[in-house]
Protein backbone atom coordinates (compact mmCIF):
# COMPACT_ATOMS: atom_id res chain seq x y z
CA MET A 1 -3.60 -3.50 9.81
CA VAL A 2 -0.70 -5.03 7.55
CA GLY A 3 0.00 -4.19 4.21
CA PHE A 4 1.59 -6.43 1.50
CA TYR A 5 2.70 -6.05 -2.16
CA ARG A 6 4.35 -8.04 -4.88
CA GLU A 7 6.90 -6.75 -7.06
CA GLN A 8 5.48 -6.36 -10.68
CA ARG A 9 8.75 -5.95 -12.72
CA LEU A 10 9.53 -9.38 -14.29
CA LYS A 11 12.94 -9.82 -12.76
CA ARG A 12 11.70 -9.05 -9.32
CA GLN A 13 8.44 -10.75 -9.05
CA HIS A 14 10.07 -13.29 -6.81
CA GLN A 15 9.91 -10.50 -4.25
CA GLY A 16 7.20 -9.16 -1.94
CA GLY A 17 7.24 -6.67 0.67
CA ILE A 18 5.37 -5.56 3.80
CA TRP A 19 4.78 -1.84 3.38
CA GLY A 20 3.07 -1.02 6.64
CA MET A 21 2.14 -2.49 9.83
CA PHE A 22 0.07 -0.94 12.65
CA VAL A 23 -1.74 -2.18 15.74
CA GLU A 24 -3.77 0.16 18.02
CA PRO A 25 -2.19 1.05 21.31
CA SER A 26 -4.92 -0.52 23.17
CA SER A 27 -4.33 -3.80 21.47
CA ARG A 28 -0.66 -4.09 21.72
CA GLY A 29 0.88 -6.83 23.53
CA LEU A 30 -2.04 -9.13 23.02
CA GLY A 31 -0.60 -10.79 19.72
CA VAL A 32 -2.52 -8.96 17.30
CA GLY A 33 0.58 -7.95 15.56
CA THR A 34 1.94 -11.62 15.49
CA THR A 35 -1.50 -12.67 14.16
CA LEU A 36 -1.61 -10.10 11.42
CA LEU A 37 2.07 -10.88 10.22
CA HIS A 38 1.89 -14.42 10.36
CA GLU A 39 -1.60 -14.30 8.25
CA ALA A 40 0.20 -11.85 5.88
CA LEU A 41 3.09 -14.29 5.25
CA ARG A 42 0.75 -17.21 5.02
CA ARG A 43 -0.81 -15.73 2.11
CA ALA A 44 2.45 -14.52 0.63
CA LYS A 45 3.86 -17.99 0.64
CA ALA A 46 0.63 -19.23 -1.37
CA LEU A 47 1.69 -17.03 -4.15
CA ARG A 48 3.31 -18.91 -6.79
CA GLY A 49 6.73 -18.10 -7.50
CA LEU A 50 7.22 -15.81 -4.55
CA ARG A 51 10.61 -16.53 -2.91
CA CYS A 52 11.02 -13.81 -0.28
CA VAL A 53 9.23 -10.85 1.53
CA ARG A 54 11.23 -7.84 2.51
CA LEU A 55 10.41 -4.88 4.99
CA SER A 56 12.07 -1.96 6.77
CA VAL A 57 11.73 -0.87 10.21
CA ALA A 58 13.11 2.41 11.94
CA ALA A 59 16.00 1.32 14.09
CA THR A 60 14.04 2.81 17.21
CA GLN A 61 10.99 0.51 16.86
CA GLY A 62 12.44 -2.47 19.19
CA PRO A 63 9.12 -4.21 19.53
CA ALA A 64 8.55 -4.36 15.92
CA ARG A 65 12.11 -5.43 15.21
CA LYS A 66 11.48 -8.26 17.79
CA LEU A 67 8.29 -9.15 16.02
CA TYR A 68 10.05 -9.48 12.89
CA THR A 69 12.99 -11.26 14.05
CA ASN A 70 10.78 -13.76 15.88
CA ALA A 71 8.91 -14.26 12.39
CA GLY A 72 12.24 -15.34 10.87
CA PHE A 73 13.25 -12.15 9.17
CA GLN A 74 16.90 -11.45 9.05
CA SER A 75 18.67 -7.98 8.92
CA TYR A 76 20.60 -7.45 5.49
CA GLY A 77 21.53 -3.67 6.18
CA VAL A 78 21.03 -0.36 8.14
CA GLU A 79 20.40 2.68 5.79
CA PRO A 80 21.70 5.66 8.18
CA LYS A 81 19.27 8.73 8.38
CA ALA A 82 16.85 7.10 6.03
CA LEU A 83 13.66 8.71 7.78
CA MET A 84 13.33 12.16 9.08
CA VAL A 85 10.54 12.67 11.89
CA GLY A 86 10.29 16.31 12.61
CA GLU A 87 13.83 17.52 12.82
CA ARG A 88 15.13 14.19 13.87
CA TYR A 89 16.73 11.63 11.51
CA LEU A 90 16.27 7.84 12.08
CA ASP A 91 18.26 4.95 10.75
CA GLU A 92 16.15 2.18 8.92
CA GLU A 93 17.18 -1.56 9.22
CA HIS A 94 16.26 -3.52 6.12
CA MET A 95 15.10 -7.21 6.74
CA VAL A 96 14.10 -10.15 4.53
CA LEU A 97 12.48 -13.40 4.95
CA ARG A 98 13.42 -16.18 2.46
CA PHE A 99 10.96 -18.81 1.66
CA TYR A 100 13.79 -21.06 0.09
């Protein structure tokens, strides 16, 4: 599954975001994630006035980061200790794919 949203505020309507991405463990490594992401991006690009898609990924998620980088996303910053899983803090990398 992949979730996408478009910013609703007037000055941000040119931006969208991927808010979630998940592939069942038994389907990982088969190209399912790539297919899902590419379809979400194809639909996003078709939206009038949309100029970029943003997402964030935990720094520990190497395969997800590789998926996003291969799709053309570029890092624009890391937020230290942005996530807390149990008692462990994780950094979060912010990424953007520009359509212009």
